Amino acid sequence: MAECVPTANRAPSPAPALESIGERVRRCRSLRGWTQQQQAARSGLTQSTISMIEKGARGHEMSL
């Protein structure tokens, strides 16, 4: 998955320590205009996994 990099047409991310992994995934996905299904196809994950990560139900045990 591509890193969320600030550009001139996007607001910077909140303080990194205050943003959870799920919030960051959702924000970056939304800024790209992707649905969870589109992000899943691009990342090799299922839509269900993307949803669980965004809700905070998955993520802490996953390796990057």
PDB file of N, CA and C in Angstrom:
ATOM      1  N   MET A   1       0.857  -1.166   0.000  1.00  0.00           N
ATOM      2  CA  MET A   1       0.000   0.000   0.000  1.00  0.00           C
ATOM      3  C   MET A   1       0.902   1.227   0.000  1.00  0.00           C
ATOM      4  N   ALA A   2       0.532   2.217  -0.779  1.00  0.00           N
ATOM      5  CA  ALA A   2       1.336   3.436  -0.873  1.00  0.00           C
ATOM      6  C   ALA A   2       1.253   4.226   0.424  1.00  0.00           C
ATOM      7  N   GLU A   3       2.340   4.879   0.755  1.00  0.00           N
ATOM      8  CA  GLU A   3       2.387   5.696   1.961  1.00  0.00           C
ATOM      9  C   GLU A   3       1.541   6.949   1.754  1.00  0.00           C
ATOM     10  N   CYS A   4       0.913   7.417   2.798  1.00  0.00           N
ATOM     11  CA  CYS A   4       0.110   8.633   2.733  1.00  0.00           C
ATOM     12  C   CYS A   4       1.054   9.827   2.889  1.00  0.00           C
ATOM     13  N   VAL A   5       1.336  10.503   1.785  1.00  0.00           N
ATOM     14  CA  VAL A   5       2.277  11.613   1.777  1.00  0.00           C
ATOM     15  C   VAL A   5       1.514  12.908   1.571  1.00  0.00           C
ATOM     16  N   PRO A   6       1.730  13.926   2.417  1.00  0.00           N
ATOM     17  CA  PRO A   6       1.010  15.186   2.256  1.00  0.00           C
ATOM     18  C   PRO A   6       1.364  15.862   0.935  1.00  0.00           C
ATOM     19  N   THR A   7       0.379  16.457   0.325  1.00  0.00           N
ATOM     20  CA  THR A   7       0.583  17.257  -0.877  1.00  0.00           C
ATOM     21  C   THR A   7      -0.139  18.579  -0.693  1.00  0.00           C
ATOM     22  N   ALA A   8       0.012  19.470  -1.648  1.00  0.00           N
ATOM     23  CA  ALA A   8      -0.576  20.806  -1.540  1.00  0.00           C
ATOM     24  C   ALA A   8      -2.098  20.763  -1.456  1.00  0.00           C
ATOM     25  N   ASN A   9      -2.738  19.764  -2.053  1.00  0.00           N
ATOM     26  CA  ASN A   9      -4.198  19.731  -2.064  1.00  0.00           C
ATOM     27  C   ASN A   9      -4.795  18.880  -0.955  1.00  0.00           C
ATOM     28  N   ARG A  10      -3.980  18.458   0.003  1.00  0.00           N
ATOM     29  CA  ARG A  10      -4.478  17.651   1.117  1.00  0.00           C
ATOM     30  C   ARG A  10      -4.094  18.281   2.443  1.00  0.00           C
ATOM     31  N   ALA A  11      -4.961  18.105   3.396  1.00  0.00           N
ATOM     32  CA  ALA A  11      -4.647  18.571   4.750  1.00  0.00           C
ATOM     33  C   ALA A  11      -3.616  17.629   5.358  1.00  0.00           C
ATOM     34  N   PRO A  12      -2.690  18.152   6.138  1.00  0.00           N
ATOM     35  CA  PRO A  12      -1.709  17.278   6.788  1.00  0.00           C
ATOM     36  C   PRO A  12      -2.407  16.362   7.784  1.00  0.00           C
ATOM     37  N   SER A  13      -1.760  15.257   8.086  1.00  0.00           N
ATOM     38  CA  SER A  13      -2.348  14.320   9.037  1.00  0.00           C
ATOM     39  C   SER A  13      -2.314  14.919  10.435  1.00  0.00           C
ATOM     40  N   PRO A  14      -3.238  14.457  11.281  1.00  0.00           N
ATOM     41  CA  PRO A  14      -3.186  14.880  12.684  1.00  0.00           C
ATOM     42  C   PRO A  14      -1.874  14.412  13.298  1.00  0.00           C
ATOM     43  N   ALA A  15      -1.592  14.863  14.493  1.00  0.00           N
ATOM     44  CA  ALA A  15      -0.367  14.436  15.171  1.00  0.00           C
ATOM     45  C   ALA A  15      -0.299  12.913  15.132  1.00  0.00           C
ATOM     46  N   PRO A  16       0.775  12.332  14.588  1.00  0.00           N
ATOM     47  CA  PRO A  16       0.856  10.886  14.427  1.00  0.00           C
ATOM     48  C   PRO A  16       0.556  10.089  15.683  1.00  0.00           C
ATOM     49  N   ALA A  17       0.945  10.585  16.827  1.00  0.00           N
ATOM     50  CA  ALA A  17       0.704   9.851  18.069  1.00  0.00           C
ATOM     51  C   ALA A  17      -0.775   9.796  18.423  1.00  0.00           C
ATOM     52  N   LEU A  18      -1.571  10.696  17.867  1.00  0.00           N
ATOM     53  CA  LEU A  18      -2.994  10.755  18.188  1.00  0.00           C
ATOM     54  C   LEU A  18      -3.858  10.004  17.189  1.00  0.00           C
ATOM     55  N   GLU A  19      -3.283   9.573  16.081  1.00  0.00           N
ATOM     56  CA  GLU A  19      -4.042   8.909  15.025  1.00  0.00           C
ATOM     57  C   GLU A  19      -3.748   7.409  15.074  1.00  0.00           C
ATOM     58  N   SER A  20      -4.805   6.613  15.185  1.00  0.00           N
ATOM     59  CA  SER A  20      -4.605   5.162  15.202  1.00  0.00           C
ATOM     60  C   SER A  20      -4.288   4.668  13.793  1.00  0.00           C
ATOM     61  N   ILE A  21      -3.812   3.444  13.703  1.00  0.00           N
ATOM     62  CA  ILE A  21      -3.531   2.830  12.404  1.00  0.00           C
ATOM     63  C   ILE A  21      -4.809   2.807  11.563  1.00  0.00           C
ATOM     64  N   GLY A  22      -5.914   2.390  12.174  1.00  0.00           N
ATOM     65  CA  GLY A  22      -7.184   2.314  11.450  1.00  0.00           C
ATOM     66  C   GLY A  22      -7.634   3.673  10.933  1.00  0.00           C
ATOM     67  N   GLU A  23      -7.475   4.711  11.754  1.00  0.00           N
ATOM     68  CA  GLU A  23      -7.848   6.063  11.328  1.00  0.00           C
ATOM     69  C   GLU A  23      -6.975   6.517  10.173  1.00  0.00           C
ATOM     70  N   ARG A  24      -5.703   6.186  10.237  1.00  0.00           N
ATOM     71  CA  ARG A  24      -4.789   6.581   9.155  1.00  0.00           C
ATOM     72  C   ARG A  24      -5.123   5.852   7.854  1.00  0.00           C
ATOM     73  N   VAL A  25      -5.413   4.546   7.959  1.00  0.00           N
ATOM     74  CA  VAL A  25      -5.786   3.772   6.771  1.00  0.00           C
ATOM     75  C   VAL A  25      -7.042   4.364   6.139  1.00  0.00           C
ATOM     76  N   ARG A  26      -8.052   4.649   6.959  1.00  0.00           N
ATOM     77  CA  ARG A  26      -9.305   5.213   6.440  1.00  0.00           C
ATOM     78  C   ARG A  26      -9.081   6.590   5.823  1.00  0.00           C
ATOM     79  N   ARG A  27      -8.297   7.443   6.492  1.00  0.00           N
ATOM     80  CA  ARG A  27      -8.056   8.792   5.973  1.00  0.00           C
ATOM     81  C   ARG A  27      -7.324   8.736   4.632  1.00  0.00           C
ATOM     82  N   CYS A  28      -6.294   7.930   4.566  1.00  0.00           N
ATOM     83  CA  CYS A  28      -5.533   7.823   3.313  1.00  0.00           C
ATOM     84  C   CYS A  28      -6.385   7.236   2.194  1.00  0.00           C
ATOM     85  N   ARG A  29      -7.194   6.229   2.518  1.00  0.00           N
ATOM     86  CA  ARG A  29      -8.089   5.626   1.517  1.00  0.00           C
ATOM     87  C   ARG A  29      -9.098   6.655   1.017  1.00  0.00           C
ATOM     88  N   SER A  30      -9.678   7.387   1.934  1.00  0.00           N
ATOM     89  CA  SER A  30     -10.684   8.387   1.565  1.00  0.00           C
ATOM     90  C   SER A  30     -10.088   9.511   0.725  1.00  0.00           C
ATOM     91  N   LEU A  31      -8.874   9.932   1.073  1.00  0.00           N
ATOM     92  CA  LEU A  31      -8.219  10.989   0.297  1.00  0.00           C
ATOM     93  C   LEU A  31      -7.965  10.556  -1.142  1.00  0.00           C
ATOM     94  N   ARG A  32      -7.770   9.279  -1.355  1.00  0.00           N
ATOM     95  CA  ARG A  32      -7.573   8.761  -2.710  1.00  0.00           C
ATOM     96  C   ARG A  32      -8.897   8.519  -3.430  1.00  0.00           C
ATOM     97  N   GLY A  33      -9.986   8.578  -2.686  1.00  0.00           N
ATOM     98  CA  GLY A  33     -11.295   8.343  -3.283  1.00  0.00           C
ATOM     99  C   GLY A  33     -11.582   6.869  -3.517  1.00  0.00           C
ATOM    100  N   TRP A  34     -10.875   6.000  -2.795  1.00  0.00           N
ATOM    101  CA  TRP A  34     -11.049   4.561  -2.957  1.00  0.00           C
ATOM    102  C   TRP A  34     -12.126   4.038  -2.017  1.00  0.00           C
ATOM    103  N   THR A  35     -12.832   3.014  -2.470  1.00  0.00           N
ATOM    104  CA  THR A  35     -13.720   2.262  -1.588  1.00  0.00           C
ATOM    105  C   THR A  35     -12.866   1.227  -0.868  1.00  0.00           C
ATOM    106  N   GLN A  36     -13.429   0.609   0.146  1.00  0.00           N
ATOM    107  CA  GLN A  36     -12.700  -0.458   0.824  1.00  0.00           C
ATOM    108  C   GLN A  36     -12.405  -1.591  -0.155  1.00  0.00           C
ATOM    109  N   GLN A  37     -13.324  -1.863  -1.057  1.00  0.00           N
ATOM    110  CA  GLN A  37     -13.128  -2.931  -2.043  1.00  0.00           C
ATOM    111  C   GLN A  37     -11.960  -2.605  -2.971  1.00  0.00           C
ATOM    112  N   GLN A  38     -11.853  -1.343  -3.397  1.00  0.00           N
ATOM    113  CA  GLN A  38     -10.741  -0.943  -4.261  1.00  0.00           C
ATOM    114  C   GLN A  38      -9.412  -1.044  -3.519  1.00  0.00           C
ATOM    115  N   GLN A  39      -9.389  -0.617  -2.267  1.00  0.00           N
ATOM    116  CA  GLN A  39      -8.166  -0.718  -1.489  1.00  0.00           C
ATOM    117  C   GLN A  39      -7.790  -2.181  -1.270  1.00  0.00           C
ATOM    118  N   ALA A  40      -8.779  -3.005  -1.026  1.00  0.00           N
ATOM    119  CA  ALA A  40      -8.519  -4.436  -0.841  1.00  0.00           C
ATOM    120  C   ALA A  40      -7.883  -5.039  -2.086  1.00  0.00           C
ATOM    121  N   ALA A  41      -8.410  -4.714  -3.234  1.00  0.00           N
ATOM    122  CA  ALA A  41      -7.864  -5.249  -4.483  1.00  0.00           C
ATOM    123  C   ALA A  41      -6.423  -4.794  -4.691  1.00  0.00           C
ATOM    124  N   ARG A  42      -6.131  -3.553  -4.350  1.00  0.00           N
ATOM    125  CA  ARG A  42      -4.780  -3.023  -4.529  1.00  0.00           C
ATOM    126  C   ARG A  42      -3.789  -3.577  -3.507  1.00  0.00           C
ATOM    127  N   SER A  43      -4.278  -3.927  -2.333  1.00  0.00           N
ATOM    128  CA  SER A  43      -3.373  -4.349  -1.250  1.00  0.00           C
ATOM    129  C   SER A  43      -3.248  -5.861  -1.110  1.00  0.00           C
ATOM    130  N   GLY A  44      -4.129  -6.607  -1.765  1.00  0.00           N
ATOM    131  CA  GLY A  44      -4.090  -8.061  -1.621  1.00  0.00           C
ATOM    132  C   GLY A  44      -4.793  -8.563  -0.373  1.00  0.00           C
ATOM    133  N   LEU A  45      -5.538  -7.684   0.288  1.00  0.00           N
ATOM    134  CA  LEU A  45      -6.321  -8.060   1.457  1.00  0.00           C
ATOM    135  C   LEU A  45      -7.785  -8.169   1.054  1.00  0.00           C
ATOM    136  N   THR A  46      -8.611  -8.683   1.945  1.00  0.00           N
ATOM    137  CA  THR A  46     -10.046  -8.715   1.675  1.00  0.00           C
ATOM    138  C   THR A  46     -10.688  -7.416   2.162  1.00  0.00           C
ATOM    139  N   GLN A  47     -11.864  -7.126   1.646  1.00  0.00           N
ATOM    140  CA  GLN A  47     -12.602  -5.944   2.093  1.00  0.00           C
ATOM    141  C   GLN A  47     -12.923  -6.065   3.573  1.00  0.00           C
ATOM    142  N   SER A  48     -13.207  -7.267   4.024  1.00  0.00           N
ATOM    143  CA  SER A  48     -13.503  -7.502   5.435  1.00  0.00           C
ATOM    144  C   SER A  48     -12.300  -7.152   6.319  1.00  0.00           C
ATOM    145  N   THR A  49     -11.106  -7.503   5.866  1.00  0.00           N
ATOM    146  CA  THR A  49      -9.896  -7.184   6.628  1.00  0.00           C
ATOM    147  C   THR A  49      -9.674  -5.681   6.686  1.00  0.00           C
ATOM    148  N   ILE A  50      -9.875  -4.987   5.561  1.00  0.00           N
ATOM    149  CA  ILE A  50      -9.746  -3.524   5.533  1.00  0.00           C
ATOM    150  C   ILE A  50     -10.724  -2.918   6.538  1.00  0.00           C
ATOM    151  N   SER A  51     -11.952  -3.395   6.537  1.00  0.00           N
ATOM    152  CA  SER A  51     -12.969  -2.892   7.458  1.00  0.00           C
ATOM    153  C   SER A  51     -12.550  -3.109   8.908  1.00  0.00           C
ATOM    154  N   MET A  52     -12.049  -4.298   9.221  1.00  0.00           N
ATOM    155  CA  MET A  52     -11.634  -4.595  10.593  1.00  0.00           C
ATOM    156  C   MET A  52     -10.455  -3.721  11.014  1.00  0.00           C
ATOM    157  N   ILE A  53      -9.519  -3.471  10.107  1.00  0.00           N
ATOM    158  CA  ILE A  53      -8.381  -2.602  10.421  1.00  0.00           C
ATOM    159  C   ILE A  53      -8.885  -1.196  10.730  1.00  0.00           C
ATOM    160  N   GLU A  54      -9.782  -0.678   9.891  1.00  0.00           N
ATOM    161  CA  GLU A  54     -10.300   0.676  10.103  1.00  0.00           C
ATOM    162  C   GLU A  54     -11.085   0.792  11.406  1.00  0.00           C
ATOM    163  N   LYS A  55     -11.750  -0.270  11.809  1.00  0.00           N
ATOM    164  CA  LYS A  55     -12.516  -0.258  13.066  1.00  0.00           C
ATOM    165  C   LYS A  55     -11.639  -0.498  14.286  1.00  0.00           C
ATOM    166  N   GLY A  56     -10.373  -0.876  14.049  1.00  0.00           N
ATOM    167  CA  GLY A  56      -9.478  -1.148  15.165  1.00  0.00           C
ATOM    168  C   GLY A  56      -9.552  -2.575  15.662  1.00  0.00           C
ATOM    169  N   ALA A  57     -10.295  -3.432  14.956  1.00  0.00           N
ATOM    170  CA  ALA A  57     -10.420  -4.827  15.373  1.00  0.00           C
ATOM    171  C   ALA A  57      -9.232  -5.658  14.925  1.00  0.00           C
ATOM    172  N   ARG A  58      -8.435  -5.146  14.000  1.00  0.00           N
ATOM    173  CA  ARG A  58      -7.209  -5.811  13.521  1.00  0.00           C
ATOM    174  C   ARG A  58      -6.157  -4.732  13.354  1.00  0.00           C
ATOM    175  N   GLY A  59      -4.935  -5.137  13.346  1.00  0.00           N
ATOM    176  CA  GLY A  59      -3.878  -4.192  13.053  1.00  0.00           C
ATOM    177  C   GLY A  59      -2.698  -4.325  13.978  1.00  0.00           C
ATOM    178  N   HIS A  60      -2.944  -4.401  15.265  1.00  0.00           N
ATOM    179  CA  HIS A  60      -1.829  -4.443  16.204  1.00  0.00           C
ATOM    180  C   HIS A  60      -1.018  -5.727  16.093  1.00  0.00           C
ATOM    181  N   GLU A  61      -1.639  -6.812  15.631  1.00  0.00           N
ATOM    182  CA  GLU A  61      -0.901  -8.068  15.551  1.00  0.00           C
ATOM    183  C   GLU A  61      -0.350  -8.325  14.154  1.00  0.00           C
ATOM    184  N   MET A  62      -0.606  -7.413  13.221  1.00  0.00           N
ATOM    185  CA  MET A  62      -0.145  -7.593  11.849  1.00  0.00           C
ATOM    186  C   MET A  62       1.247  -7.021  11.668  1.00  0.00           C
ATOM    187  N   SER A  63       2.107  -7.722  10.970  1.00  0.00           N
ATOM    188  CA  SER A  63       3.440  -7.197  10.682  1.00  0.00           C
ATOM    189  C   SER A  63       3.402  -6.414   9.388  1.00  0.00           C
ATOM    190  N   LEU A  64       4.250  -5.407   9.302  1.00  0.00           N
ATOM    191  CA  LEU A  64       4.294  -4.575   8.103  1.00  0.00           C
ATOM    192  C   LEU A  64       5.457  -4.967   7.241  1.00  0.00           C
TER     193      LEU A  64
END
